[in-house]
Amino acid sequence: MSDTSSPPRSPPATPRPRSPPPLTRQPATLSRAQELEPRLVRNVARVGGKVYITVNTPEGTDKVPLEDFIDGDEFTDELVCNMVNDWNSTAELHPDTKRCCLFCRRRARKSYTLCGVHWDTYFDAIYC
């Protein structure tokens, strides 16, 4: 008796590239920051000392520096503004805690979230 059925065959193997293609990231601009939807997370990422906000994009999630949400002396997003206000109130409640500046790795001033270098640049946006 001849067996006409043969075992199932797996599809032919396709060659895989040795390394993935490099990621092409565009720096976030103010117009792009207005399109982004920030996610509320208590622990935020720091890259090079700067605070990066996790945002939802059409492609998934991405991290955008805090500076991209500041336009002059105002925040462009209410959620980011509330996050910074929460950090500021925590700094006021616990003034002796060692903390870093929001924009670099330097020590923040006592009961503040800014260092001396970024004090003049971002004080109005962060505290007013």
PDB file of N, CA and C in Angstrom:
ATOM      1  N   MET A   1       0.830  -1.158   0.000  1.00  0.00           N
ATOM      2  CA  MET A   1       0.000   0.000   0.000  1.00  0.00           C
ATOM      3  C   MET A   1       0.891   1.243   0.000  1.00  0.00           C
ATOM      4  N   SER A   2       0.667   2.110  -0.900  1.00  0.00           N
ATOM      5  CA  SER A   2       1.491   3.292  -1.047  1.00  0.00           C
ATOM      6  C   SER A   2       0.842   4.463  -0.304  1.00  0.00           C
ATOM      7  N   ASP A   3       1.657   5.151   0.401  1.00  0.00           N
ATOM      8  CA  ASP A   3       1.164   6.285   1.186  1.00  0.00           C
ATOM      9  C   ASP A   3       1.297   7.547   0.331  1.00  0.00           C
ATOM     10  N   THR A   4       0.153   8.112  -0.059  1.00  0.00           N
ATOM     11  CA  THR A   4       0.173   9.298  -0.922  1.00  0.00           C
ATOM     12  C   THR A   4       0.337  10.576  -0.120  1.00  0.00           C
ATOM     13  N   SER A   5       0.082  10.503   1.156  1.00  0.00           N
ATOM     14  CA  SER A   5       0.244  11.733   1.955  1.00  0.00           C
ATOM     15  C   SER A   5       1.700  11.851   2.396  1.00  0.00           C
ATOM     16  N   SER A   6       2.224  13.019   2.273  1.00  0.00           N
ATOM     17  CA  SER A   6       3.603  13.271   2.696  1.00  0.00           C
ATOM     18  C   SER A   6       3.571  14.156   3.941  1.00  0.00           C
ATOM     19  N   PRO A   7       4.609  14.127   4.735  1.00  0.00           N
ATOM     20  CA  PRO A   7       4.615  14.969   5.934  1.00  0.00           C
ATOM     21  C   PRO A   7       4.566  16.445   5.544  1.00  0.00           C
ATOM     22  N   PRO A   8       3.990  17.276   6.392  1.00  0.00           N
ATOM     23  CA  PRO A   8       3.909  18.706   6.062  1.00  0.00           C
ATOM     24  C   PRO A   8       5.301  19.316   5.955  1.00  0.00           C
ATOM     25  N   ARG A   9       5.436  20.203   5.008  1.00  0.00           N
ATOM     26  CA  ARG A   9       6.723  20.869   4.773  1.00  0.00           C
ATOM     27  C   ARG A   9       6.705  22.261   5.400  1.00  0.00           C
ATOM     28  N   SER A  10       7.821  22.632   5.934  1.00  0.00           N
ATOM     29  CA  SER A  10       7.939  23.996   6.466  1.00  0.00           C
ATOM     30  C   SER A  10       8.280  24.930   5.302  1.00  0.00           C
ATOM     31  N   PRO A  11       7.907  26.182   5.410  1.00  0.00           N
ATOM     32  CA  PRO A  11       8.218  27.121   4.331  1.00  0.00           C
ATOM     33  C   PRO A  11       9.730  27.275   4.207  1.00  0.00           C
ATOM     34  N   PRO A  12      10.185  27.627   3.026  1.00  0.00           N
ATOM     35  CA  PRO A  12      11.632  27.798   2.844  1.00  0.00           C
ATOM     36  C   PRO A  12      12.146  28.932   3.729  1.00  0.00           C
ATOM     37  N   ALA A  13      13.318  28.734   4.255  1.00  0.00           N
ATOM     38  CA  ALA A  13      13.922  29.737   5.141  1.00  0.00           C
ATOM     39  C   ALA A  13      14.337  30.951   4.334  1.00  0.00           C
ATOM     40  N   THR A  14      13.982  32.117   4.848  1.00  0.00           N
ATOM     41  CA  THR A  14      14.390  33.359   4.196  1.00  0.00           C
ATOM     42  C   THR A  14      15.594  33.910   4.944  1.00  0.00           C
ATOM     43  N   PRO A  15      16.544  34.447   4.227  1.00  0.00           N
ATOM     44  CA  PRO A  15      17.720  34.988   4.918  1.00  0.00           C
ATOM     45  C   PRO A  15      17.331  36.220   5.731  1.00  0.00           C
ATOM     46  N   ARG A  16      17.838  36.284   6.940  1.00  0.00           N
ATOM     47  CA  ARG A  16      17.576  37.429   7.804  1.00  0.00           C
ATOM     48  C   ARG A  16      18.754  38.394   7.734  1.00  0.00           C
ATOM     49  N   PRO A  17      18.461  39.668   7.819  1.00  0.00           N
ATOM     50  CA  PRO A  17      19.580  40.621   7.830  1.00  0.00           C
ATOM     51  C   PRO A  17      20.390  40.444   9.111  1.00  0.00           C
ATOM     52  N   ARG A  18      21.667  40.731   9.022  1.00  0.00           N
ATOM     53  CA  ARG A  18      22.555  40.524  10.165  1.00  0.00           C
ATOM     54  C   ARG A  18      22.310  41.533  11.281  1.00  0.00           C
ATOM     55  N   SER A  19      21.955  42.722  10.951  1.00  0.00           N
ATOM     56  CA  SER A  19      21.668  43.723  11.977  1.00  0.00           C
ATOM     57  C   SER A  19      20.453  44.528  11.533  1.00  0.00           C
ATOM     58  N   PRO A  20      19.680  45.012  12.476  1.00  0.00           N
ATOM     59  CA  PRO A  20      18.508  45.792  12.092  1.00  0.00           C
ATOM     60  C   PRO A  20      18.938  47.130  11.499  1.00  0.00           C
ATOM     61  N   PRO A  21      18.082  47.713  10.694  1.00  0.00           N
ATOM     62  CA  PRO A  21      18.442  49.014  10.135  1.00  0.00           C
ATOM     63  C   PRO A  21      18.515  50.054  11.242  1.00  0.00           C
ATOM     64  N   PRO A  22      19.343  51.066  11.082  1.00  0.00           N
ATOM     65  CA  PRO A  22      19.474  52.075  12.133  1.00  0.00           C
ATOM     66  C   PRO A  22      18.165  52.844  12.314  1.00  0.00           C
ATOM     67  N   LEU A  23      17.889  53.207  13.570  1.00  0.00           N
ATOM     68  CA  LEU A  23      16.690  53.976  13.855  1.00  0.00           C
ATOM     69  C   LEU A  23      16.888  55.407  13.388  1.00  0.00           C
ATOM     70  N   THR A  24      15.885  55.948  12.767  1.00  0.00           N
ATOM     71  CA  THR A  24      15.942  57.343  12.363  1.00  0.00           C
ATOM     72  C   THR A  24      14.995  58.107  13.280  1.00  0.00           C
ATOM     73  N   ARG A  25      15.564  58.883  14.170  1.00  0.00           N
ATOM     74  CA  ARG A  25      14.762  59.678  15.099  1.00  0.00           C
ATOM     75  C   ARG A  25      14.885  61.141  14.738  1.00  0.00           C
ATOM     76  N   GLN A  26      13.753  61.789  14.729  1.00  0.00           N
ATOM     77  CA  GLN A  26      13.728  63.211  14.478  1.00  0.00           C
ATOM     78  C   GLN A  26      13.650  63.932  15.819  1.00  0.00           C
ATOM     79  N   PRO A  27      14.413  64.989  16.017  1.00  0.00           N
ATOM     80  CA  PRO A  27      14.269  65.724  17.269  1.00  0.00           C
ATOM     81  C   PRO A  27      12.884  66.345  17.338  1.00  0.00           C
ATOM     82  N   ALA A  28      12.291  66.302  18.512  1.00  0.00           N
ATOM     83  CA  ALA A  28      10.953  66.845  18.682  1.00  0.00           C
ATOM     84  C   ALA A  28      11.005  68.365  18.606  1.00  0.00           C
ATOM     85  N   THR A  29      10.116  68.931  17.843  1.00  0.00           N
ATOM     86  CA  THR A  29       9.998  70.374  17.765  1.00  0.00           C
ATOM     87  C   THR A  29       8.734  70.777  18.499  1.00  0.00           C
ATOM     88  N   LEU A  30       8.536  72.057  18.647  1.00  0.00           N
ATOM     89  CA  LEU A  30       7.366  72.530  19.383  1.00  0.00           C
ATOM     90  C   LEU A  30       6.086  72.113  18.685  1.00  0.00           C
ATOM     91  N   SER A  31       6.049  72.164  17.349  1.00  0.00           N
ATOM     92  CA  SER A  31       4.830  71.767  16.642  1.00  0.00           C
ATOM     93  C   SER A  31       4.566  70.277  16.833  1.00  0.00           C
ATOM     94  N   ARG A  32       5.633  69.464  16.857  1.00  0.00           N
ATOM     95  CA  ARG A  32       5.455  68.028  17.071  1.00  0.00           C
ATOM     96  C   ARG A  32       5.046  67.758  18.515  1.00  0.00           C
ATOM     97  N   ALA A  33       5.578  68.534  19.464  1.00  0.00           N
ATOM     98  CA  ALA A  33       5.252  68.325  20.867  1.00  0.00           C
ATOM     99  C   ALA A  33       3.771  68.590  21.131  1.00  0.00           C
ATOM    100  N   GLN A  34       3.153  69.456  20.360  1.00  0.00           N
ATOM    101  CA  GLN A  34       1.732  69.719  20.550  1.00  0.00           C
ATOM    102  C   GLN A  34       0.890  68.542  20.086  1.00  0.00           C
ATOM    103  N   GLU A  35       1.395  67.738  19.157  1.00  0.00           N
ATOM    104  CA  GLU A  35       0.661  66.582  18.661  1.00  0.00           C
ATOM    105  C   GLU A  35       0.812  65.371  19.572  1.00  0.00           C
ATOM    106  N   LEU A  36       1.810  65.379  20.457  1.00  0.00           N
ATOM    107  CA  LEU A  36       2.099  64.224  21.286  1.00  0.00           C
ATOM    108  C   LEU A  36       1.156  64.161  22.479  1.00  0.00           C
ATOM    109  N   GLU A  37       0.945  62.972  22.955  1.00  0.00           N
ATOM    110  CA  GLU A  37       0.079  62.750  24.103  1.00  0.00           C
ATOM    111  C   GLU A  37       0.932  62.196  25.245  1.00  0.00           C
ATOM    112  N   PRO A  38       1.297  63.035  26.229  1.00  0.00           N
ATOM    113  CA  PRO A  38       2.137  62.545  27.323  1.00  0.00           C
ATOM    114  C   PRO A  38       1.400  61.525  28.184  1.00  0.00           C
ATOM    115  N   ARG A  39       2.164  60.596  28.730  1.00  0.00           N
ATOM    116  CA  ARG A  39       1.609  59.600  29.654  1.00  0.00           C
ATOM    117  C   ARG A  39       2.030  59.978  31.059  1.00  0.00           C
ATOM    118  N   LEU A  40       1.117  59.818  31.986  1.00  0.00           N
ATOM    119  CA  LEU A  40       1.419  60.131  33.368  1.00  0.00           C
ATOM    120  C   LEU A  40       2.144  58.951  33.999  1.00  0.00           C
ATOM    121  N   VAL A  41       3.416  59.139  34.284  1.00  0.00           N
ATOM    122  CA  VAL A  41       4.211  58.126  34.970  1.00  0.00           C
ATOM    123  C   VAL A  41       4.950  58.823  36.104  1.00  0.00           C
ATOM    124  N   ARG A  42       5.057  58.170  37.237  1.00  0.00           N
ATOM    125  CA  ARG A  42       5.724  58.791  38.376  1.00  0.00           C
ATOM    126  C   ARG A  42       7.234  58.791  38.199  1.00  0.00           C
ATOM    127  N   ASN A  43       7.794  57.715  37.710  1.00  0.00           N
ATOM    128  CA  ASN A  43       9.229  57.639  37.483  1.00  0.00           C
ATOM    129  C   ASN A  43       9.510  57.971  36.026  1.00  0.00           C
ATOM    130  N   VAL A  44      10.247  59.018  35.795  1.00  0.00           N
ATOM    131  CA  VAL A  44      10.552  59.430  34.435  1.00  0.00           C
ATOM    132  C   VAL A  44      12.004  59.111  34.109  1.00  0.00           C
ATOM    133  N   ALA A  45      12.259  58.948  32.844  1.00  0.00           N
ATOM    134  CA  ALA A  45      13.612  58.618  32.401  1.00  0.00           C
ATOM    135  C   ALA A  45      14.472  59.871  32.366  1.00  0.00           C
ATOM    136  N   ARG A  46      15.749  59.678  32.641  1.00  0.00           N
ATOM    137  CA  ARG A  46      16.727  60.749  32.488  1.00  0.00           C
ATOM    138  C   ARG A  46      17.778  60.272  31.508  1.00  0.00           C
ATOM    139  N   VAL A  47      18.050  61.102  30.536  1.00  0.00           N
ATOM    140  CA  VAL A  47      19.099  60.812  29.556  1.00  0.00           C
ATOM    141  C   VAL A  47      20.073  61.978  29.609  1.00  0.00           C
ATOM    142  N   GLY A  48      21.287  61.683  30.007  1.00  0.00           N
ATOM    143  CA  GLY A  48      22.277  62.748  30.153  1.00  0.00           C
ATOM    144  C   GLY A  48      21.899  63.723  31.251  1.00  0.00           C
ATOM    145  N   GLY A  49      21.096  63.294  32.207  1.00  0.00           N
ATOM    146  CA  GLY A  49      20.678  64.145  33.301  1.00  0.00           C
ATOM    147  C   GLY A  49      19.363  64.857  33.064  1.00  0.00           C
ATOM    148  N   LYS A  50      18.948  64.990  31.820  1.00  0.00           N
ATOM    149  CA  LYS A  50      17.704  65.693  31.499  1.00  0.00           C
ATOM    150  C   LYS A  50      16.507  64.778  31.706  1.00  0.00           C
ATOM    151  N   VAL A  51      15.401  65.366  32.126  1.00  0.00           N
ATOM    152  CA  VAL A  51      14.161  64.617  32.292  1.00  0.00           C
ATOM    153  C   VAL A  51      13.510  64.451  30.922  1.00  0.00           C
ATOM    154  N   TYR A  52      13.149  63.212  30.610  1.00  0.00           N
ATOM    155  CA  TYR A  52      12.448  62.914  29.360  1.00  0.00           C
ATOM    156  C   TYR A  52      11.053  62.410  29.706  1.00  0.00           C
ATOM    157  N   ILE A  53      10.049  62.963  29.050  1.00  0.00           N
ATOM    158  CA  ILE A  53       8.654  62.604  29.276  1.00  0.00           C
ATOM    159  C   ILE A  53       8.270  61.521  28.271  1.00  0.00           C
ATOM    160  N   THR A  54       7.627  60.451  28.753  1.00  0.00           N
ATOM    161  CA  THR A  54       7.147  59.390  27.871  1.00  0.00           C
ATOM    162  C   THR A  54       5.853  59.847  27.225  1.00  0.00           C
ATOM    163  N   VAL A  55       5.794  59.771  25.899  1.00  0.00           N
ATOM    164  CA  VAL A  55       4.613  60.218  25.159  1.00  0.00           C
ATOM    165  C   VAL A  55       4.120  59.103  24.249  1.00  0.00           C
ATOM    166  N   ASN A  56       2.831  59.123  23.978  1.00  0.00           N
ATOM    167  CA  ASN A  56       2.245  58.196  23.007  1.00  0.00           C
ATOM    168  C   ASN A  56       2.290  58.858  21.638  1.00  0.00           C
ATOM    169  N   THR A  57       2.818  58.148  20.668  1.00  0.00           N
ATOM    170  CA  THR A  57       2.856  58.628  19.296  1.00  0.00           C
ATOM    171  C   THR A  57       2.104  57.628  18.429  1.00  0.00           C
ATOM    172  N   PRO A  58       1.811  57.983  17.190  1.00  0.00           N
ATOM    173  CA  PRO A  58       1.155  57.004  16.316  1.00  0.00           C
ATOM    174  C   PRO A  58       1.980  55.735  16.112  1.00  0.00           C
ATOM    175  N   GLU A  59       3.313  55.833  16.229  1.00  0.00           N
ATOM    176  CA  GLU A  59       4.174  54.666  16.051  1.00  0.00           C
ATOM    177  C   GLU A  59       4.338  53.850  17.326  1.00  0.00           C
ATOM    178  N   GLY A  60       3.907  54.367  18.471  1.00  0.00           N
ATOM    179  CA  GLY A  60       4.082  53.680  19.756  1.00  0.00           C
ATOM    180  C   GLY A  60       4.371  54.699  20.828  1.00  0.00           C
ATOM    181  N   THR A  61       5.402  54.447  21.636  1.00  0.00           N
ATOM    182  CA  THR A  61       5.793  55.406  22.667  1.00  0.00           C
ATOM    183  C   THR A  61       7.176  55.941  22.359  1.00  0.00           C
ATOM    184  N   ASP A  62       7.432  57.132  22.837  1.00  0.00           N
ATOM    185  CA  ASP A  62       8.713  57.773  22.614  1.00  0.00           C
ATOM    186  C   ASP A  62       9.018  58.635  23.827  1.00  0.00           C
ATOM    187  N   LYS A  63      10.255  59.039  23.985  1.00  0.00           N
ATOM    188  CA  LYS A  63      10.654  59.902  25.083  1.00  0.00           C
ATOM    189  C   LYS A  63      11.065  61.251  24.507  1.00  0.00           C
ATOM    190  N   VAL A  64      10.497  62.300  25.078  1.00  0.00           N
ATOM    191  CA  VAL A  64      10.726  63.664  24.589  1.00  0.00           C
ATOM    192  C   VAL A  64      11.280  64.493  25.742  1.00  0.00           C
ATOM    193  N   PRO A  65      12.316  65.311  25.509  1.00  0.00           N
ATOM    194  CA  PRO A  65      12.872  66.111  26.599  1.00  0.00           C
ATOM    195  C   PRO A  65      11.857  67.128  27.119  1.00  0.00           C
ATOM    196  N   LEU A  66      11.987  67.468  28.385  1.00  0.00           N
ATOM    197  CA  LEU A  66      11.072  68.397  29.034  1.00  0.00           C
ATOM    198  C   LEU A  66      11.077  69.763  28.358  1.00  0.00           C
ATOM    199  N   GLU A  67      12.222  70.186  27.821  1.00  0.00           N
ATOM    200  CA  GLU A  67      12.316  71.497  27.175  1.00  0.00           C
ATOM    201  C   GLU A  67      11.355  71.639  25.997  1.00  0.00           C
ATOM    202  N   ASP A  68      11.024  70.536  25.337  1.00  0.00           N
ATOM    203  CA  ASP A  68      10.132  70.598  24.179  1.00  0.00           C
ATOM    204  C   ASP A  68       8.699  70.949  24.561  1.00  0.00           C
ATOM    205  N   PHE A  69       8.368  70.848  25.831  1.00  0.00           N
ATOM    206  CA  PHE A  69       7.029  71.191  26.289  1.00  0.00           C
ATOM    207  C   PHE A  69       6.964  72.597  26.870  1.00  0.00           C
ATOM    208  N   ILE A  70       8.052  73.366  26.749  1.00  0.00           N
ATOM    209  CA  ILE A  70       8.087  74.737  27.261  1.00  0.00           C
ATOM    210  C   ILE A  70       8.150  75.685  26.077  1.00  0.00           C
ATOM    211  N   ASP A  71       7.193  76.619  26.045  1.00  0.00           N
ATOM    212  CA  ASP A  71       7.152  77.644  25.003  1.00  0.00           C
ATOM    213  C   ASP A  71       7.260  78.997  25.695  1.00  0.00           C
ATOM    214  N   GLY A  72       8.419  79.591  25.654  1.00  0.00           N
ATOM    215  CA  GLY A  72       8.627  80.847  26.372  1.00  0.00           C
ATOM    216  C   GLY A  72       8.586  80.601  27.866  1.00  0.00           C
ATOM    217  N   ASP A  73       7.548  81.124  28.518  1.00  0.00           N
ATOM    218  CA  ASP A  73       7.389  80.946  29.959  1.00  0.00           C
ATOM    219  C   ASP A  73       6.196  80.077  30.306  1.00  0.00           C
ATOM    220  N   GLU A  74       5.689  79.318  29.362  1.00  0.00           N
ATOM    221  CA  GLU A  74       4.504  78.496  29.602  1.00  0.00           C
ATOM    222  C   GLU A  74       4.731  77.076  29.108  1.00  0.00           C
ATOM    223  N   PHE A  75       4.012  76.147  29.732  1.00  0.00           N
ATOM    224  CA  PHE A  75       4.020  74.770  29.268  1.00  0.00           C
ATOM    225  C   PHE A  75       2.996  74.618  28.150  1.00  0.00           C
ATOM    226  N   THR A  76       3.306  73.776  27.181  1.00  0.00           N
ATOM    227  CA  THR A  76       2.379  73.543  26.077  1.00  0.00           C
ATOM    228  C   THR A  76       1.391  72.428  26.381  1.00  0.00           C
ATOM    229  N   ASP A  77       1.604  71.692  27.476  1.00  0.00           N
ATOM    230  CA  ASP A  77       0.714  70.590  27.818  1.00  0.00           C
ATOM    231  C   ASP A  77       0.366  70.661  29.299  1.00  0.00           C
ATOM    232  N   GLU A  78      -0.911  70.533  29.608  1.00  0.00           N
ATOM    233  CA  GLU A  78      -1.370  70.650  30.984  1.00  0.00           C
ATOM    234  C   GLU A  78      -0.886  69.492  31.855  1.00  0.00           C
ATOM    235  N   LEU A  79      -0.836  68.291  31.301  1.00  0.00           N
ATOM    236  CA  LEU A  79      -0.392  67.132  32.068  1.00  0.00           C
ATOM    237  C   LEU A  79       1.074  67.273  32.492  1.00  0.00           C
ATOM    238  N   VAL A  80       1.916  67.736  31.584  1.00  0.00           N
ATOM    239  CA  VAL A  80       3.335  67.954  31.911  1.00  0.00           C
ATOM    240  C   VAL A  80       3.455  69.053  32.964  1.00  0.00           C
ATOM    241  N   CYS A  81       2.647  70.094  32.844  1.00  0.00           N
ATOM    242  CA  CYS A  81       2.650  71.173  33.831  1.00  0.00           C
ATOM    243  C   CYS A  81       2.274  70.636  35.205  1.00  0.00           C
ATOM    244  N   ASN A  82       1.276  69.773  35.272  1.00  0.00           N
ATOM    245  CA  ASN A  82       0.867  69.183  36.551  1.00  0.00           C
ATOM    246  C   ASN A  82       1.949  68.272  37.123  1.00  0.00           C
ATOM    247  N   MET A  83       2.666  67.551  36.257  1.00  0.00           N
ATOM    248  CA  MET A  83       3.764  66.701  36.725  1.00  0.00           C
ATOM    249  C   MET A  83       4.855  67.553  37.361  1.00  0.00           C
ATOM    250  N   VAL A  84       5.227  68.647  36.701  1.00  0.00           N
ATOM    251  CA  VAL A  84       6.281  69.522  37.225  1.00  0.00           C
ATOM    252  C   VAL A  84       5.816  70.189  38.517  1.00  0.00           C
ATOM    253  N   ASN A  85       4.550  70.599  38.564  1.00  0.00           N
ATOM    254  CA  ASN A  85       4.026  71.197  39.798  1.00  0.00           C
ATOM    255  C   ASN A  85       4.071  70.197  40.953  1.00  0.00           C
ATOM    256  N   ASP A  86       3.808  68.932  40.681  1.00  0.00           N
ATOM    257  CA  ASP A  86       3.894  67.901  41.712  1.00  0.00           C
ATOM    258  C   ASP A  86       5.331  67.741  42.198  1.00  0.00           C
ATOM    259  N   TRP A  87       6.300  67.730  41.273  1.00  0.00           N
ATOM    260  CA  TRP A  87       7.708  67.642  41.674  1.00  0.00           C
ATOM    261  C   TRP A  87       8.106  68.852  42.508  1.00  0.00           C
ATOM    262  N   ASN A  88       7.609  70.049  42.129  1.00  0.00           N
ATOM    263  CA  ASN A  88       7.936  71.266  42.871  1.00  0.00           C
ATOM    264  C   ASN A  88       7.348  71.228  44.278  1.00  0.00           C
ATOM    265  N   SER A  89       6.115  70.770  44.416  1.00  0.00           N
ATOM    266  CA  SER A  89       5.504  70.713  45.750  1.00  0.00           C
ATOM    267  C   SER A  89       6.207  69.668  46.625  1.00  0.00           C
ATOM    268  N   THR A  90       6.638  68.563  46.026  1.00  0.00           N
ATOM    269  CA  THR A  90       7.401  67.565  46.784  1.00  0.00           C
ATOM    270  C   THR A  90       8.735  68.143  47.234  1.00  0.00           C
ATOM    271  N   ALA A  91       9.378  68.929  46.383  1.00  0.00           N
ATOM    272  CA  ALA A  91      10.647  69.565  46.750  1.00  0.00           C
ATOM    273  C   ALA A  91      10.446  70.554  47.890  1.00  0.00           C
ATOM    274  N   GLU A  92       9.324  71.258  47.906  1.00  0.00           N
ATOM    275  CA  GLU A  92       9.052  72.193  49.000  1.00  0.00           C
ATOM    276  C   GLU A  92       8.768  71.455  50.312  1.00  0.00           C
ATOM    277  N   LEU A  93       8.076  70.321  50.219  1.00  0.00           N
ATOM    278  CA  LEU A  93       7.767  69.551  51.424  1.00  0.00           C
ATOM    279  C   LEU A  93       9.006  68.908  52.036  1.00  0.00           C
ATOM    280  N   HIS A  94       9.954  68.526  51.201  1.00  0.00           N
ATOM    281  CA  HIS A  94      11.174  67.842  51.655  1.00  0.00           C
ATOM    282  C   HIS A  94      12.397  68.617  51.155  1.00  0.00           C
ATOM    283  N   PRO A  95      12.695  69.758  51.775  1.00  0.00           N
ATOM    284  CA  PRO A  95      13.776  70.611  51.248  1.00  0.00           C
ATOM    285  C   PRO A  95      15.175  70.031  51.433  1.00  0.00           C
ATOM    286  N   ASP A  96      15.368  69.133  52.383  1.00  0.00           N
ATOM    287  CA  ASP A  96      16.715  68.619  52.654  1.00  0.00           C
ATOM    288  C   ASP A  96      17.064  67.382  51.833  1.00  0.00           C
ATOM    289  N   THR A  97      16.146  66.919  51.011  1.00  0.00           N
ATOM    290  CA  THR A  97      16.419  65.760  50.173  1.00  0.00           C
ATOM    291  C   THR A  97      17.308  66.167  49.006  1.00  0.00           C
ATOM    292  N   LYS A  98      18.316  65.358  48.739  1.00  0.00           N
ATOM    293  CA  LYS A  98      19.194  65.636  47.601  1.00  0.00           C
ATOM    294  C   LYS A  98      18.461  65.275  46.317  1.00  0.00           C
ATOM    295  N   ARG A  99      18.396  66.215  45.402  1.00  0.00           N
ATOM    296  CA  ARG A  99      17.739  65.944  44.118  1.00  0.00           C
ATOM    297  C   ARG A  99      18.504  66.644  43.005  1.00  0.00           C
ATOM    298  N   CYS A 100      18.315  66.132  41.805  1.00  0.00           N
ATOM    299  CA  CYS A 100      18.980  66.701  40.628  1.00  0.00           C
ATOM    300  C   CYS A 100      18.077  67.731  39.974  1.00  0.00           C
ATOM    301  N   CYS A 101      18.688  68.609  39.223  1.00  0.00           N
ATOM    302  CA  CYS A 101      17.976  69.592  38.417  1.00  0.00           C
ATOM    303  C   CYS A 101      17.151  68.862  37.357  1.00  0.00           C
ATOM    304  N   LEU A 102      16.050  69.452  36.930  1.00  0.00           N
ATOM    305  CA  LEU A 102      15.215  68.837  35.899  1.00  0.00           C
ATOM    306  C   LEU A 102      15.892  68.827  34.534  1.00  0.00           C
ATOM    307  N   PHE A 103      16.907  69.687  34.336  1.00  0.00           N
ATOM    308  CA  PHE A 103      17.492  69.853  33.017  1.00  0.00           C
ATOM    309  C   PHE A 103      18.946  69.401  32.918  1.00  0.00           C
ATOM    310  N   CYS A 104      19.525  68.934  34.033  1.00  0.00           N
ATOM    311  CA  CYS A 104      20.912  68.457  33.984  1.00  0.00           C
ATOM    312  C   CYS A 104      21.174  67.565  35.191  1.00  0.00           C
ATOM    313  N   ARG A 105      22.429  67.161  35.371  1.00  0.00           N
ATOM    314  CA  ARG A 105      22.812  66.273  36.471  1.00  0.00           C
ATOM    315  C   ARG A 105      23.235  67.018  37.730  1.00  0.00           C
ATOM    316  N   ARG A 106      23.264  68.342  37.674  1.00  0.00           N
ATOM    317  CA  ARG A 106      23.731  69.107  38.829  1.00  0.00           C
ATOM    318  C   ARG A 106      22.719  69.041  39.974  1.00  0.00           C
ATOM    319  N   ARG A 107      23.204  69.316  41.176  1.00  0.00           N
ATOM    320  CA  ARG A 107      22.331  69.353  42.343  1.00  0.00           C
ATOM    321  C   ARG A 107      21.383  70.535  42.234  1.00  0.00           C
ATOM    322  N   ALA A 108      20.122  70.288  42.532  1.00  0.00           N
ATOM    323  CA  ALA A 108      19.131  71.358  42.547  1.00  0.00           C
ATOM    324  C   ALA A 108      19.300  72.163  43.830  1.00  0.00           C
ATOM    325  N   ARG A 109      18.859  73.417  43.792  1.00  0.00           N
ATOM    326  CA  ARG A 109      18.899  74.252  44.985  1.00  0.00           C
ATOM    327  C   ARG A 109      17.944  73.698  46.028  1.00  0.00           C
ATOM    328  N   LYS A 110      18.215  74.026  47.261  1.00  0.00           N
ATOM    329  CA  LYS A 110      17.424  73.505  48.375  1.00  0.00           C
ATOM    330  C   LYS A 110      15.954  73.910  48.218  1.00  0.00           C
ATOM    331  N   SER A 111      15.070  72.927  48.272  1.00  0.00           N
ATOM    332  CA  SER A 111      13.606  73.030  48.128  1.00  0.00           C
ATOM    333  C   SER A 111      13.162  73.489  46.739  1.00  0.00           C
ATOM    334  N   TYR A 112      14.043  73.367  45.750  1.00  0.00           N
ATOM    335  CA  TYR A 112      13.698  73.676  44.360  1.00  0.00           C
ATOM    336  C   TYR A 112      14.051  72.490  43.470  1.00  0.00           C
ATOM    337  N   THR A 113      13.667  72.573  42.203  1.00  0.00           N
ATOM    338  CA  THR A 113      13.997  71.521  41.238  1.00  0.00           C
ATOM    339  C   THR A 113      14.926  72.025  40.146  1.00  0.00           C
ATOM    340  N   LEU A 114      15.532  73.189  40.348  1.00  0.00           N
ATOM    341  CA  LEU A 114      16.460  73.760  39.374  1.00  0.00           C
ATOM    342  C   LEU A 114      17.817  74.009  40.017  1.00  0.00           C
ATOM    343  N   CYS A 115      18.865  73.871  39.212  1.00  0.00           N
ATOM    344  CA  CYS A 115      20.216  74.184  39.679  1.00  0.00           C
ATOM    345  C   CYS A 115      20.499  75.664  39.397  1.00  0.00           C
ATOM    346  N   GLY A 116      21.650  76.130  39.818  1.00  0.00           N
ATOM    347  CA  GLY A 116      22.019  77.524  39.602  1.00  0.00           C
ATOM    348  C   GLY A 116      22.212  77.875  38.138  1.00  0.00           C
ATOM    349  N   VAL A 117      22.670  76.910  37.339  1.00  0.00           N
ATOM    350  CA  VAL A 117      22.915  77.173  35.915  1.00  0.00           C
ATOM    351  C   VAL A 117      21.601  77.401  35.167  1.00  0.00           C
ATOM    352  N   HIS A 118      20.576  76.607  35.461  1.00  0.00           N
ATOM    353  CA  HIS A 118      19.297  76.710  34.756  1.00  0.00           C
ATOM    354  C   HIS A 118      18.280  77.599  35.472  1.00  0.00           C
ATOM    355  N   TRP A 119      18.692  78.214  36.574  1.00  0.00           N
ATOM    356  CA  TRP A 119      17.784  79.036  37.368  1.00  0.00           C
ATOM    357  C   TRP A 119      17.209  80.188  36.538  1.00  0.00           C
ATOM    358  N   ASP A 120      18.051  80.971  35.901  1.00  0.00           N
ATOM    359  CA  ASP A 120      17.582  82.134  35.139  1.00  0.00           C
ATOM    360  C   ASP A 120      16.835  81.724  33.871  1.00  0.00           C
ATOM    361  N   THR A 121      17.250  80.630  33.268  1.00  0.00           N
ATOM    362  CA  THR A 121      16.666  80.224  31.992  1.00  0.00           C
ATOM    363  C   THR A 121      15.247  79.698  32.148  1.00  0.00           C
ATOM    364  N   TYR A 122      15.014  78.841  33.129  1.00  0.00           N
ATOM    365  CA  TYR A 122      13.735  78.139  33.219  1.00  0.00           C
ATOM    366  C   TYR A 122      12.901  78.482  34.458  1.00  0.00           C
ATOM    367  N   PHE A 123      13.338  79.411  35.291  1.00  0.00           N
ATOM    368  CA  PHE A 123      12.596  79.691  36.533  1.00  0.00           C
ATOM    369  C   PHE A 123      11.170  80.137  36.261  1.00  0.00           C
ATOM    370  N   ASP A 124      10.980  81.055  35.328  1.00  0.00           N
ATOM    371  CA  ASP A 124       9.636  81.567  35.042  1.00  0.00           C
ATOM    372  C   ASP A 124       8.709  80.465  34.529  1.00  0.00           C
ATOM    373  N   ALA A 125       9.234  79.566  33.724  1.00  0.00           N
ATOM    374  CA  ALA A 125       8.397  78.498  33.186  1.00  0.00           C
ATOM    375  C   ALA A 125       8.053  77.465  34.254  1.00  0.00           C
ATOM    376  N   ILE A 126       8.983  77.185  35.154  1.00  0.00           N
ATOM    377  CA  ILE A 126       8.780  76.123  36.141  1.00  0.00           C
ATOM    378  C   ILE A 126       7.998  76.615  37.358  1.00  0.00           C
ATOM    379  N   TYR A 127       8.249  77.851  37.812  1.00  0.00           N
ATOM    380  CA  TYR A 127       7.664  78.306  39.067  1.00  0.00           C
ATOM    381  C   TYR A 127       6.616  79.401  38.948  1.00  0.00           C
ATOM    382  N   CYS A 128       6.379  79.949  37.799  1.00  0.00           N
ATOM    383  CA  CYS A 128       5.381  81.039  37.686  1.00  0.00           C
ATOM    384  C   CYS A 128       4.127  80.599  36.983  1.00  0.00           C
TER     385      CYS A 128
END
